[in-house]
């Protein structure tokens, strides 16, 4: 089941990360910690950083560099207008798919 969960998550992680950022700006490790708090414990930190690079390249986030107590400044990500639009479309697609999946499951019962 863990492999199946991982495969299904791959297509939705961008939306999940954007949803977290809609709640509050965050830096990479903080996003990973929030995901773990929400039960996504098997997601590697490197995976999150790869997603952050992708959403940055797509222009979905604003970035602010903030000083860090340890090491170089942190990149803090916040959702911008394009990111909000992308997230709204993500939720529309999610609703569409989940409704259809529920219908399929109900037909089997």
PDB file of N, CA and C in Angstrom:
ATOM      1  N   UNK A   1       0.823  -1.199   0.000  1.00  0.00           N
ATOM      2  CA  UNK A   1       0.000   0.000   0.000  1.00  0.00           C
ATOM      3  C   UNK A   1       0.869   1.265   0.000  1.00  0.00           C
ATOM      4  N   UNK A   2       2.021   1.242   0.656  1.00  0.00           N
ATOM      5  CA  UNK A   2       2.874   2.424   0.729  1.00  0.00           C
ATOM      6  C   UNK A   2       3.330   2.845  -0.668  1.00  0.00           C
ATOM      7  N   UNK A   3       3.697   1.883  -1.537  1.00  0.00           N
ATOM      8  CA  UNK A   3       4.139   2.214  -2.894  1.00  0.00           C
ATOM      9  C   UNK A   3       2.996   2.845  -3.687  1.00  0.00           C
ATOM     10  N   UNK A   4       1.801   2.293  -3.538  1.00  0.00           N
ATOM     11  CA  UNK A   4       0.644   2.843  -4.239  1.00  0.00           C
ATOM     12  C   UNK A   4       0.363   4.273  -3.757  1.00  0.00           C
ATOM     13  N   UNK A   5       0.482   4.503  -2.454  1.00  0.00           N
ATOM     14  CA  UNK A   5       0.268   5.834  -1.896  1.00  0.00           C
ATOM     15  C   UNK A   5       1.294   6.808  -2.459  1.00  0.00           C
ATOM     16  N   UNK A   6       2.544   6.387  -2.529  1.00  0.00           N
ATOM     17  CA  UNK A   6       3.612   7.238  -3.045  1.00  0.00           C
ATOM     18  C   UNK A   6       3.339   7.622  -4.495  1.00  0.00           C
ATOM     19  N   UNK A   7       2.932   6.655  -5.291  1.00  0.00           N
ATOM     20  CA  UNK A   7       2.650   6.915  -6.703  1.00  0.00           C
ATOM     21  C   UNK A   7       1.486   7.896  -6.857  1.00  0.00           C
ATOM     22  N   UNK A   8       0.447   7.720  -6.053  1.00  0.00           N
ATOM     23  CA  UNK A   8      -0.706   8.613  -6.138  1.00  0.00           C
ATOM     24  C   UNK A   8      -0.351  10.026  -5.669  1.00  0.00           C
ATOM     25  N   UNK A   9       0.502  10.120  -4.680  1.00  0.00           N
ATOM     26  CA  UNK A   9       0.893  11.425  -4.161  1.00  0.00           C
ATOM     27  C   UNK A   9       1.715  12.234  -5.150  1.00  0.00           C
ATOM     28  N   UNK A  10       2.493  11.548  -6.000  1.00  0.00           N
ATOM     29  CA  UNK A  10       3.359  12.254  -6.940  1.00  0.00           C
ATOM     30  C   UNK A  10       2.591  13.277  -7.765  1.00  0.00           C
ATOM     31  N   UNK A  11       1.429  12.933  -8.184  1.00  0.00           N
ATOM     32  CA  UNK A  11       0.634  13.831  -9.010  1.00  0.00           C
ATOM     33  C   UNK A  11      -0.070  14.931  -8.240  1.00  0.00           C
ATOM     34  N   UNK A  12      -0.076  14.858  -6.937  1.00  0.00           N
ATOM     35  CA  UNK A  12      -0.827  15.833  -6.151  1.00  0.00           C
ATOM     36  C   UNK A  12       0.039  16.677  -5.220  1.00  0.00           C
ATOM     37  N   UNK A  13       1.301  16.337  -5.098  1.00  0.00           N
ATOM     38  CA  UNK A  13       2.156  17.040  -4.128  1.00  0.00           C
ATOM     39  C   UNK A  13       2.292  18.532  -4.404  1.00  0.00           C
ATOM     40  N   UNK A  14       2.350  18.940  -5.658  1.00  0.00           N
ATOM     41  CA  UNK A  14       2.421  20.367  -5.944  1.00  0.00           C
ATOM     42  C   UNK A  14       1.216  21.080  -5.341  1.00  0.00           C
ATOM     43  N   UNK A  15       0.042  20.537  -5.567  1.00  0.00           N
ATOM     44  CA  UNK A  15      -1.178  21.137  -5.026  1.00  0.00           C
ATOM     45  C   UNK A  15      -1.191  21.137  -3.511  1.00  0.00           C
ATOM     46  N   UNK A  16      -0.696  20.063  -2.908  1.00  0.00           N
ATOM     47  CA  UNK A  16      -0.649  19.963  -1.450  1.00  0.00           C
ATOM     48  C   UNK A  16       0.288  21.029  -0.881  1.00  0.00           C
ATOM     49  N   UNK A  17       1.454  21.195  -1.502  1.00  0.00           N
ATOM     50  CA  UNK A  17       2.409  22.210  -1.041  1.00  0.00           C
ATOM     51  C   UNK A  17       1.809  23.608  -1.210  1.00  0.00           C
ATOM     52  N   UNK A  18       1.170  23.859  -2.335  1.00  0.00           N
ATOM     53  CA  UNK A  18       0.532  25.164  -2.545  1.00  0.00           C
ATOM     54  C   UNK A  18      -0.575  25.409  -1.525  1.00  0.00           C
ATOM     55  N   UNK A  19      -1.317  24.373  -1.183  1.00  0.00           N
ATOM     56  CA  UNK A  19      -2.372  24.514  -0.176  1.00  0.00           C
ATOM     57  C   UNK A  19      -1.776  24.885   1.181  1.00  0.00           C
ATOM     58  N   UNK A  20      -0.642  24.291   1.525  1.00  0.00           N
ATOM     59  CA  UNK A  20       0.035  24.654   2.778  1.00  0.00           C
ATOM     60  C   UNK A  20       0.492  26.109   2.740  1.00  0.00           C
ATOM     61  N   UNK A  21       1.029  26.530   1.602  1.00  0.00           N
ATOM     62  CA  UNK A  21       1.506  27.907   1.483  1.00  0.00           C
ATOM     63  C   UNK A  21       0.364  28.913   1.469  1.00  0.00           C
ATOM     64  N   UNK A  22      -0.825  28.473   1.056  1.00  0.00           N
ATOM     65  CA  UNK A  22      -1.987  29.365   1.099  1.00  0.00           C
ATOM     66  C   UNK A  22      -2.328  29.705   2.545  1.00  0.00           C
ATOM     67  N   UNK A  23      -2.018  28.790   3.445  1.00  0.00           N
ATOM     68  CA  UNK A  23      -2.272  29.024   4.862  1.00  0.00           C
ATOM     69  C   UNK A  23      -1.289  29.992   5.473  1.00  0.00           C
ATOM     70  N   UNK A  24      -0.015  29.879   5.100  1.00  0.00           N
ATOM     71  CA  UNK A  24       1.031  30.754   5.638  1.00  0.00           C
ATOM     72  C   UNK A  24       2.322  30.526   4.868  1.00  0.00           C
ATOM     73  N   UNK A  25       3.099  31.582   4.649  1.00  0.00           N
ATOM     74  CA  UNK A  25       4.400  31.420   4.004  1.00  0.00           C
ATOM     75  C   UNK A  25       5.287  30.469   4.824  1.00  0.00           C
ATOM     76  N   UNK A  26       6.231  29.818   4.144  1.00  0.00           N
ATOM     77  CA  UNK A  26       7.096  28.866   4.846  1.00  0.00           C
ATOM     78  C   UNK A  26       8.358  28.611   4.028  1.00  0.00           C
ATOM     79  N   UNK A  27       9.377  28.101   4.689  1.00  0.00           N
ATOM     80  CA  UNK A  27      10.602  27.664   4.014  1.00  0.00           C
ATOM     81  C   UNK A  27      10.566  26.144   3.905  1.00  0.00           C
ATOM     82  N   UNK A  28      11.495  25.582   3.140  1.00  0.00           N
ATOM     83  CA  UNK A  28      11.468  24.160   2.783  1.00  0.00           C
ATOM     84  C   UNK A  28      11.287  23.203   3.940  1.00  0.00           C
ATOM     85  N   UNK A  29      12.153  23.286   4.944  1.00  0.00           N
ATOM     86  CA  UNK A  29      12.048  22.339   6.055  1.00  0.00           C
ATOM     87  C   UNK A  29      10.734  22.516   6.803  1.00  0.00           C
ATOM     88  N   UNK A  30      10.285  23.746   6.922  1.00  0.00           N
ATOM     89  CA  UNK A  30       9.020  24.030   7.611  1.00  0.00           C
ATOM     90  C   UNK A  30       7.844  23.369   6.875  1.00  0.00           C
ATOM     91  N   UNK A  31       7.876  23.396   5.549  1.00  0.00           N
ATOM     92  CA  UNK A  31       6.831  22.743   4.751  1.00  0.00           C
ATOM     93  C   UNK A  31       6.848  21.242   5.006  1.00  0.00           C
ATOM     94  N   UNK A  32       8.042  20.653   5.008  1.00  0.00           N
ATOM     95  CA  UNK A  32       8.175  19.220   5.286  1.00  0.00           C
ATOM     96  C   UNK A  32       7.608  18.890   6.671  1.00  0.00           C
ATOM     97  N   UNK A  33       7.928  19.714   7.659  1.00  0.00           N
ATOM     98  CA  UNK A  33       7.432  19.487   9.025  1.00  0.00           C
ATOM     99  C   UNK A  33       5.910  19.592   9.077  1.00  0.00           C
ATOM    100  N   UNK A  34       5.345  20.556   8.374  1.00  0.00           N
ATOM    101  CA  UNK A  34       3.871  20.699   8.345  1.00  0.00           C
ATOM    102  C   UNK A  34       3.226  19.469   7.707  1.00  0.00           C
ATOM    103  N   UNK A  35       3.829  18.990   6.625  1.00  0.00           N
ATOM    104  CA  UNK A  35       3.294  17.790   5.974  1.00  0.00           C
ATOM    105  C   UNK A  35       3.330  16.599   6.930  1.00  0.00           C
ATOM    106  N   UNK A  36       4.419  16.445   7.646  1.00  0.00           N
ATOM    107  CA  UNK A  36       4.530  15.337   8.607  1.00  0.00           C
ATOM    108  C   UNK A  36       3.493  15.475   9.709  1.00  0.00           C
ATOM    109  N   UNK A  37       3.249  16.704  10.166  1.00  0.00           N
ATOM    110  CA  UNK A  37       2.215  16.945  11.183  1.00  0.00           C
ATOM    111  C   UNK A  37       0.832  16.539  10.678  1.00  0.00           C
ATOM    112  N   UNK A  38       0.646  16.602   9.361  1.00  0.00           N
ATOM    113  CA  UNK A  38      -0.647  16.254   8.776  1.00  0.00           C
ATOM    114  C   UNK A  38      -0.713  14.798   8.332  1.00  0.00           C
ATOM    115  N   UNK A  39       0.308  14.014   8.697  1.00  0.00           N
ATOM    116  CA  UNK A  39       0.264  12.581   8.422  1.00  0.00           C
ATOM    117  C   UNK A  39       1.015  12.129   7.189  1.00  0.00           C
ATOM    118  N   UNK A  40       1.640  13.047   6.480  1.00  0.00           N
ATOM    119  CA  UNK A  40       2.422  12.683   5.297  1.00  0.00           C
ATOM    120  C   UNK A  40       3.863  12.415   5.725  1.00  0.00           C
ATOM    121  N   UNK A  41       4.049  11.370   6.497  1.00  0.00           N
ATOM    122  CA  UNK A  41       5.348  11.122   7.130  1.00  0.00           C
ATOM    123  C   UNK A  41       6.387  10.498   6.194  1.00  0.00           C
ATOM    124  N   UNK A  42       5.967   9.927   5.087  1.00  0.00           N
ATOM    125  CA  UNK A  42       6.907   9.239   4.203  1.00  0.00           C
ATOM    126  C   UNK A  42       7.485  10.120   3.103  1.00  0.00           C
ATOM    127  N   UNK A  43       7.148  11.404   3.104  1.00  0.00           N
ATOM    128  CA  UNK A  43       7.630  12.290   2.054  1.00  0.00           C
ATOM    129  C   UNK A  43       9.021  12.798   2.427  1.00  0.00           C
ATOM    130  N   UNK A  44       9.977  12.544   1.544  1.00  0.00           N
ATOM    131  CA  UNK A  44      11.365  12.948   1.803  1.00  0.00           C
ATOM    132  C   UNK A  44      11.519  14.453   1.621  1.00  0.00           C
ATOM    133  N   UNK A  45      12.397  15.022   2.420  1.00  0.00           N
ATOM    134  CA  UNK A  45      12.653  16.455   2.336  1.00  0.00           C
ATOM    135  C   UNK A  45      13.134  16.852   0.938  1.00  0.00           C
ATOM    136  N   UNK A  46      13.953  16.004   0.319  1.00  0.00           N
ATOM    137  CA  UNK A  46      14.433  16.277  -1.032  1.00  0.00           C
ATOM    138  C   UNK A  46      13.309  16.389  -2.043  1.00  0.00           C
ATOM    139  N   UNK A  47      12.255  15.613  -1.851  1.00  0.00           N
ATOM    140  CA  UNK A  47      11.092  15.669  -2.732  1.00  0.00           C
ATOM    141  C   UNK A  47      10.439  17.041  -2.645  1.00  0.00           C
ATOM    142  N   UNK A  48      10.329  17.557  -1.435  1.00  0.00           N
ATOM    143  CA  UNK A  48       9.711  18.872  -1.235  1.00  0.00           C
ATOM    144  C   UNK A  48      10.548  19.954  -1.897  1.00  0.00           C
ATOM    145  N   UNK A  49      11.870  19.871  -1.753  1.00  0.00           N
ATOM    146  CA  UNK A  49      12.724  20.876  -2.388  1.00  0.00           C
ATOM    147  C   UNK A  49      12.597  20.835  -3.908  1.00  0.00           C
ATOM    148  N   UNK A  50      12.462  19.665  -4.485  1.00  0.00           N
ATOM    149  CA  UNK A  50      12.264  19.545  -5.933  1.00  0.00           C
ATOM    150  C   UNK A  50      10.944  20.194  -6.353  1.00  0.00           C
ATOM    151  N   UNK A  51       9.913  20.012  -5.556  1.00  0.00           N
ATOM    152  CA  UNK A  51       8.610  20.632  -5.844  1.00  0.00           C
ATOM    153  C   UNK A  51       8.719  22.153  -5.733  1.00  0.00           C
ATOM    154  N   UNK A  52       9.434  22.631  -4.720  1.00  0.00           N
ATOM    155  CA  UNK A  52       9.605  24.077  -4.558  1.00  0.00           C
ATOM    156  C   UNK A  52      10.320  24.688  -5.762  1.00  0.00           C
ATOM    157  N   UNK A  53      11.317  23.980  -6.300  1.00  0.00           N
ATOM    158  CA  UNK A  53      12.000  24.455  -7.506  1.00  0.00           C
ATOM    159  C   UNK A  53      11.008  24.533  -8.661  1.00  0.00           C
ATOM    160  N   UNK A  54      10.180  23.503  -8.821  1.00  0.00           N
ATOM    161  CA  UNK A  54       9.197  23.474  -9.918  1.00  0.00           C
ATOM    162  C   UNK A  54       8.183  24.601  -9.797  1.00  0.00           C
ATOM    163  N   UNK A  55       7.634  24.804  -8.592  1.00  0.00           N
ATOM    164  CA  UNK A  55       6.601  25.842  -8.463  1.00  0.00           C
ATOM    165  C   UNK A  55       7.221  27.243  -8.574  1.00  0.00           C
ATOM    166  N   UNK A  56       8.492  27.359  -8.209  1.00  0.00           N
ATOM    167  CA  UNK A  56       9.195  28.630  -8.411  1.00  0.00           C
ATOM    168  C   UNK A  56       9.377  28.878  -9.914  1.00  0.00           C
ATOM    169  N   UNK A  57       9.794  27.858 -10.653  1.00  0.00           N
ATOM    170  CA  UNK A  57       9.991  27.996 -12.100  1.00  0.00           C
ATOM    171  C   UNK A  57       8.683  28.304 -12.822  1.00  0.00           C
ATOM    172  N   UNK A  58       7.584  27.781 -12.299  1.00  0.00           N
ATOM    173  CA  UNK A  58       6.270  28.040 -12.896  1.00  0.00           C
ATOM    174  C   UNK A  58       5.731  29.421 -12.517  1.00  0.00           C
ATOM    175  N   UNK A  59       6.409  30.109 -11.612  1.00  0.00           N
ATOM    176  CA  UNK A  59       5.983  31.453 -11.210  1.00  0.00           C
ATOM    177  C   UNK A  59       4.777  31.469 -10.293  1.00  0.00           C
ATOM    178  N   UNK A  60       4.618  30.413  -9.475  1.00  0.00           N
ATOM    179  CA  UNK A  60       3.438  30.289  -8.610  1.00  0.00           C
ATOM    180  C   UNK A  60       3.654  30.833  -7.198  1.00  0.00           C
ATOM    181  N   UNK A  61       4.892  31.199  -6.891  1.00  0.00           N
ATOM    182  CA  UNK A  61       5.217  31.659  -5.540  1.00  0.00           C
ATOM    183  C   UNK A  61       6.100  32.906  -5.592  1.00  0.00           C
ATOM    184  N   UNK A  62       6.026  33.670  -4.528  1.00  0.00           N
ATOM    185  CA  UNK A  62       6.981  34.746  -4.295  1.00  0.00           C
ATOM    186  C   UNK A  62       8.003  34.209  -3.307  1.00  0.00           C
ATOM    187  N   UNK A  63       9.216  34.719  -3.402  1.00  0.00           N
ATOM    188  CA  UNK A  63      10.285  34.261  -2.516  1.00  0.00           C
ATOM    189  C   UNK A  63      10.892  35.457  -1.805  1.00  0.00           C
ATOM    190  N   UNK A  64      11.049  35.294  -0.501  1.00  0.00           N
ATOM    191  CA  UNK A  64      11.719  36.310   0.302  1.00  0.00           C
ATOM    192  C   UNK A  64      12.858  35.626   1.041  1.00  0.00           C
ATOM    193  N   UNK A  65      14.032  36.196   0.952  1.00  0.00           N
ATOM    194  CA  UNK A  65      15.163  35.627   1.695  1.00  0.00           C
ATOM    195  C   UNK A  65      15.192  36.255   3.077  1.00  0.00           C
ATOM    196  N   UNK A  66      15.157  35.392   4.091  1.00  0.00           N
ATOM    197  CA  UNK A  66      15.178  35.853   5.473  1.00  0.00           C
ATOM    198  C   UNK A  66      16.413  35.295   6.169  1.00  0.00           C
ATOM    199  N   UNK A  67      17.025  36.105   7.041  1.00  0.00           N
ATOM    200  CA  UNK A  67      18.207  35.615   7.763  1.00  0.00           C
ATOM    201  C   UNK A  67      17.886  34.369   8.573  1.00  0.00           C
ATOM    202  N   UNK A  68      18.862  33.503   8.671  1.00  0.00           N
ATOM    203  CA  UNK A  68      18.729  32.277   9.449  1.00  0.00           C
ATOM    204  C   UNK A  68      19.709  32.334  10.615  1.00  0.00           C
ATOM    205  N   UNK A  69      19.295  31.783  11.736  1.00  0.00           N
ATOM    206  CA  UNK A  69      20.191  31.733  12.896  1.00  0.00           C
ATOM    207  C   UNK A  69      21.386  30.828  12.610  1.00  0.00           C
ATOM    208  N   UNK A  70      21.157  29.841  11.750  1.00  0.00           N
ATOM    209  CA  UNK A  70      22.211  28.893  11.389  1.00  0.00           C
ATOM    210  C   UNK A  70      22.355  28.902   9.871  1.00  0.00           C
ATOM    211  N   UNK A  71      23.530  29.253   9.389  1.00  0.00           N
ATOM    212  CA  UNK A  71      23.793  29.135   7.959  1.00  0.00           C
ATOM    213  C   UNK A  71      23.264  30.288   7.126  1.00  0.00           C
ATOM    214  N   UNK A  72      23.113  30.016   5.824  1.00  0.00           N
ATOM    215  CA  UNK A  72      22.710  31.057   4.871  1.00  0.00           C
ATOM    216  C   UNK A  72      21.248  31.474   5.062  1.00  0.00           C
ATOM    217  N   UNK A  73      20.843  32.591   4.443  1.00  0.00           N
ATOM    218  CA  UNK A  73      19.441  33.013   4.551  1.00  0.00           C
ATOM    219  C   UNK A  73      18.492  31.932   4.018  1.00  0.00           C
ATOM    220  N   UNK A  74      17.302  31.905   4.577  1.00  0.00           N
ATOM    221  CA  UNK A  74      16.282  30.945   4.137  1.00  0.00           C
ATOM    222  C   UNK A  74      15.425  31.564   3.043  1.00  0.00           C
ATOM    223  N   UNK A  75      15.029  30.717   2.097  1.00  0.00           N
ATOM    224  CA  UNK A  75      14.067  31.139   1.087  1.00  0.00           C
ATOM    225  C   UNK A  75      12.680  30.843   1.644  1.00  0.00           C
ATOM    226  N   UNK A  76      11.908  31.889   1.870  1.00  0.00           N
ATOM    227  CA  UNK A  76      10.550  31.726   2.377  1.00  0.00           C
ATOM    228  C   UNK A  76       9.594  31.901   1.197  1.00  0.00           C
ATOM    229  N   UNK A  77       8.762  30.897   0.994  1.00  0.00           N
ATOM    230  CA  UNK A  77       7.841  30.855  -0.144  1.00  0.00           C
ATOM    231  C   UNK A  77       6.452  31.301   0.292  1.00  0.00           C
ATOM    232  N   UNK A  78       5.822  32.124  -0.542  1.00  0.00           N
ATOM    233  CA  UNK A  78       4.422  32.494  -0.309  1.00  0.00           C
ATOM    234  C   UNK A  78       3.683  32.423  -1.644  1.00  0.00           C
ATOM    235  N   UNK A  79       2.429  32.111  -1.557  1.00  0.00           N
ATOM    236  CA  UNK A  79       1.606  31.975  -2.755  1.00  0.00           C
ATOM    237  C   UNK A  79       1.378  33.354  -3.380  1.00  0.00           C
ATOM    238  N   UNK A  80       1.522  33.443  -4.695  1.00  0.00           N
ATOM    239  CA  UNK A  80       1.176  34.689  -5.388  1.00  0.00           C
ATOM    240  C   UNK A  80      -0.149  34.490  -6.132  1.00  0.00           C
ATOM    241  N   UNK A  81      -0.542  35.476  -6.905  1.00  0.00           N
ATOM    242  CA  UNK A  81      -1.834  35.417  -7.606  1.00  0.00           C
ATOM    243  C   UNK A  81      -1.911  34.229  -8.558  1.00  0.00           C
ATOM    244  N   UNK A  82      -0.820  33.969  -9.296  1.00  0.00           N
ATOM    245  CA  UNK A  82      -0.810  32.811 -10.212  1.00  0.00           C
ATOM    246  C   UNK A  82      -0.908  31.508  -9.424  1.00  0.00           C
ATOM    247  N   UNK A  83      -0.244  31.464  -8.277  1.00  0.00           N
ATOM    248  CA  UNK A  83      -0.308  30.279  -7.422  1.00  0.00           C
ATOM    249  C   UNK A  83      -1.713  30.054  -6.881  1.00  0.00           C
ATOM    250  N   UNK A  84      -2.387  31.138  -6.527  1.00  0.00           N
ATOM    251  CA  UNK A  84      -3.775  31.020  -6.050  1.00  0.00           C
ATOM    252  C   UNK A  84      -4.677  30.469  -7.147  1.00  0.00           C
ATOM    253  N   UNK A  85      -4.488  30.949  -8.377  1.00  0.00           N
ATOM    254  CA  UNK A  85      -5.273  30.440  -9.516  1.00  0.00           C
ATOM    255  C   UNK A  85      -4.986  28.965  -9.763  1.00  0.00           C
ATOM    256  N   UNK A  86      -3.711  28.607  -9.728  1.00  0.00           N
ATOM    257  CA  UNK A  86      -3.305  27.211  -9.921  1.00  0.00           C
ATOM    258  C   UNK A  86      -3.919  26.330  -8.833  1.00  0.00           C
ATOM    259  N   UNK A  87      -3.892  26.817  -7.596  1.00  0.00           N
ATOM    260  CA  UNK A  87      -4.457  26.047  -6.483  1.00  0.00           C
ATOM    261  C   UNK A  87      -5.967  25.889  -6.638  1.00  0.00           C
ATOM    262  N   UNK A  88      -6.660  26.941  -7.068  1.00  0.00           N
ATOM    263  CA  UNK A  88      -8.109  26.850  -7.285  1.00  0.00           C
ATOM    264  C   UNK A  88      -8.418  25.789  -8.338  1.00  0.00           C
ATOM    265  N   UNK A  89      -7.626  25.768  -9.415  1.00  0.00           N
ATOM    266  CA  UNK A  89      -7.812  24.752 -10.466  1.00  0.00           C
ATOM    267  C   UNK A  89      -7.499  23.356  -9.939  1.00  0.00           C
ATOM    268  N   UNK A  90      -6.463  23.255  -9.109  1.00  0.00           N
ATOM    269  CA  UNK A  90      -6.124  21.975  -8.472  1.00  0.00           C
ATOM    270  C   UNK A  90      -7.331  21.454  -7.678  1.00  0.00           C
ATOM    271  N   UNK A  91      -7.937  22.330  -6.851  1.00  0.00           N
ATOM    272  CA  UNK A  91      -9.087  21.894  -6.038  1.00  0.00           C
ATOM    273  C   UNK A  91     -10.278  21.526  -6.915  1.00  0.00           C
ATOM    274  N   UNK A  92     -10.507  22.243  -8.014  1.00  0.00           N
ATOM    275  CA  UNK A  92     -11.590  21.882  -8.938  1.00  0.00           C
ATOM    276  C   UNK A  92     -11.354  20.506  -9.538  1.00  0.00           C
ATOM    277  N   UNK A  93     -10.129  20.268  -9.969  1.00  0.00           N
ATOM    278  CA  UNK A  93      -9.782  18.961 -10.542  1.00  0.00           C
ATOM    279  C   UNK A  93      -9.915  17.875  -9.489  1.00  0.00           C
ATOM    280  N   UNK A  94      -9.429  18.150  -8.283  1.00  0.00           N
ATOM    281  CA  UNK A  94      -9.526  17.181  -7.191  1.00  0.00           C
ATOM    282  C   UNK A  94     -10.993  16.825  -6.917  1.00  0.00           C
ATOM    283  N   UNK A  95     -11.852  17.834  -6.851  1.00  0.00           N
ATOM    284  CA  UNK A  95     -13.280  17.590  -6.599  1.00  0.00           C
ATOM    285  C   UNK A  95     -13.884  16.735  -7.701  1.00  0.00           C
ATOM    286  N   UNK A  96     -13.580  17.070  -8.944  1.00  0.00           N
ATOM    287  CA  UNK A  96     -14.090  16.304 -10.073  1.00  0.00           C
ATOM    288  C   UNK A  96     -13.670  14.835  -9.968  1.00  0.00           C
ATOM    289  N   UNK A  97     -12.375  14.605  -9.745  1.00  0.00           N
ATOM    290  CA  UNK A  97     -11.868  13.229  -9.669  1.00  0.00           C
ATOM    291  C   UNK A  97     -12.433  12.484  -8.473  1.00  0.00           C
ATOM    292  N   UNK A  98     -12.476  13.116  -7.321  1.00  0.00           N
ATOM    293  CA  UNK A  98     -12.953  12.411  -6.129  1.00  0.00           C
ATOM    294  C   UNK A  98     -14.441  12.065  -6.249  1.00  0.00           C
ATOM    295  N   UNK A  99     -15.225  12.951  -6.869  1.00  0.00           N
ATOM    296  CA  UNK A  99     -16.651  12.634  -7.088  1.00  0.00           C
ATOM    297  C   UNK A  99     -16.793  11.425  -7.997  1.00  0.00           C
ATOM    298  N   UNK A 100     -16.012  11.377  -9.073  1.00  0.00           N
ATOM    299  CA  UNK A 100     -16.098  10.252 -10.013  1.00  0.00           C
ATOM    300  C   UNK A 100     -15.639   8.954  -9.361  1.00  0.00           C
ATOM    301  N   UNK A 101     -14.589   9.032  -8.559  1.00  0.00           N
ATOM    302  CA  UNK A 101     -14.110   7.834  -7.862  1.00  0.00           C
ATOM    303  C   UNK A 101     -15.145   7.331  -6.858  1.00  0.00           C
ATOM    304  N   UNK A 102     -15.787   8.238  -6.154  1.00  0.00           N
ATOM    305  CA  UNK A 102     -16.850   7.840  -5.223  1.00  0.00           C
ATOM    306  C   UNK A 102     -17.991   7.157  -5.970  1.00  0.00           C
ATOM    307  N   UNK A 103     -18.350   7.689  -7.142  1.00  0.00           N
ATOM    308  CA  UNK A 103     -19.399   7.079  -7.934  1.00  0.00           C
ATOM    309  C   UNK A 103     -19.011   5.655  -8.339  1.00  0.00           C
ATOM    310  N   UNK A 104     -17.773   5.490  -8.787  1.00  0.00           N
ATOM    311  CA  UNK A 104     -17.308   4.145  -9.165  1.00  0.00           C
ATOM    312  C   UNK A 104     -17.352   3.178  -7.994  1.00  0.00           C
ATOM    313  N   UNK A 105     -16.934   3.661  -6.826  1.00  0.00           N
ATOM    314  CA  UNK A 105     -16.942   2.806  -5.641  1.00  0.00           C
ATOM    315  C   UNK A 105     -18.369   2.448  -5.239  1.00  0.00           C
ATOM    316  N   UNK A 106     -19.259   3.427  -5.308  1.00  0.00           N
ATOM    317  CA  UNK A 106     -20.661   3.202  -4.937  1.00  0.00           C
ATOM    318  C   UNK A 106     -21.346   2.215  -5.882  1.00  0.00           C
ATOM    319  N   UNK A 107     -20.955   2.250  -7.166  1.00  0.00           N
ATOM    320  CA  UNK A 107     -21.541   1.325  -8.148  1.00  0.00           C
ATOM    321  C   UNK A 107     -21.181  -0.124  -7.837  1.00  0.00           C
ATOM    322  N   UNK A 108     -20.049  -0.343  -7.201  1.00  0.00           N
ATOM    323  CA  UNK A 108     -19.614  -1.700  -6.849  1.00  0.00           C
ATOM    324  C   UNK A 108     -20.353  -2.232  -5.637  1.00  0.00           C
ATOM    325  N   UNK A 109     -20.869  -1.331  -4.810  1.00  0.00           N
ATOM    326  CA  UNK A 109     -21.521  -1.762  -3.564  1.00  0.00           C
ATOM    327  C   UNK A 109     -22.881  -2.344  -3.783  1.00  0.00           C
TER     328      UNK A 109
END
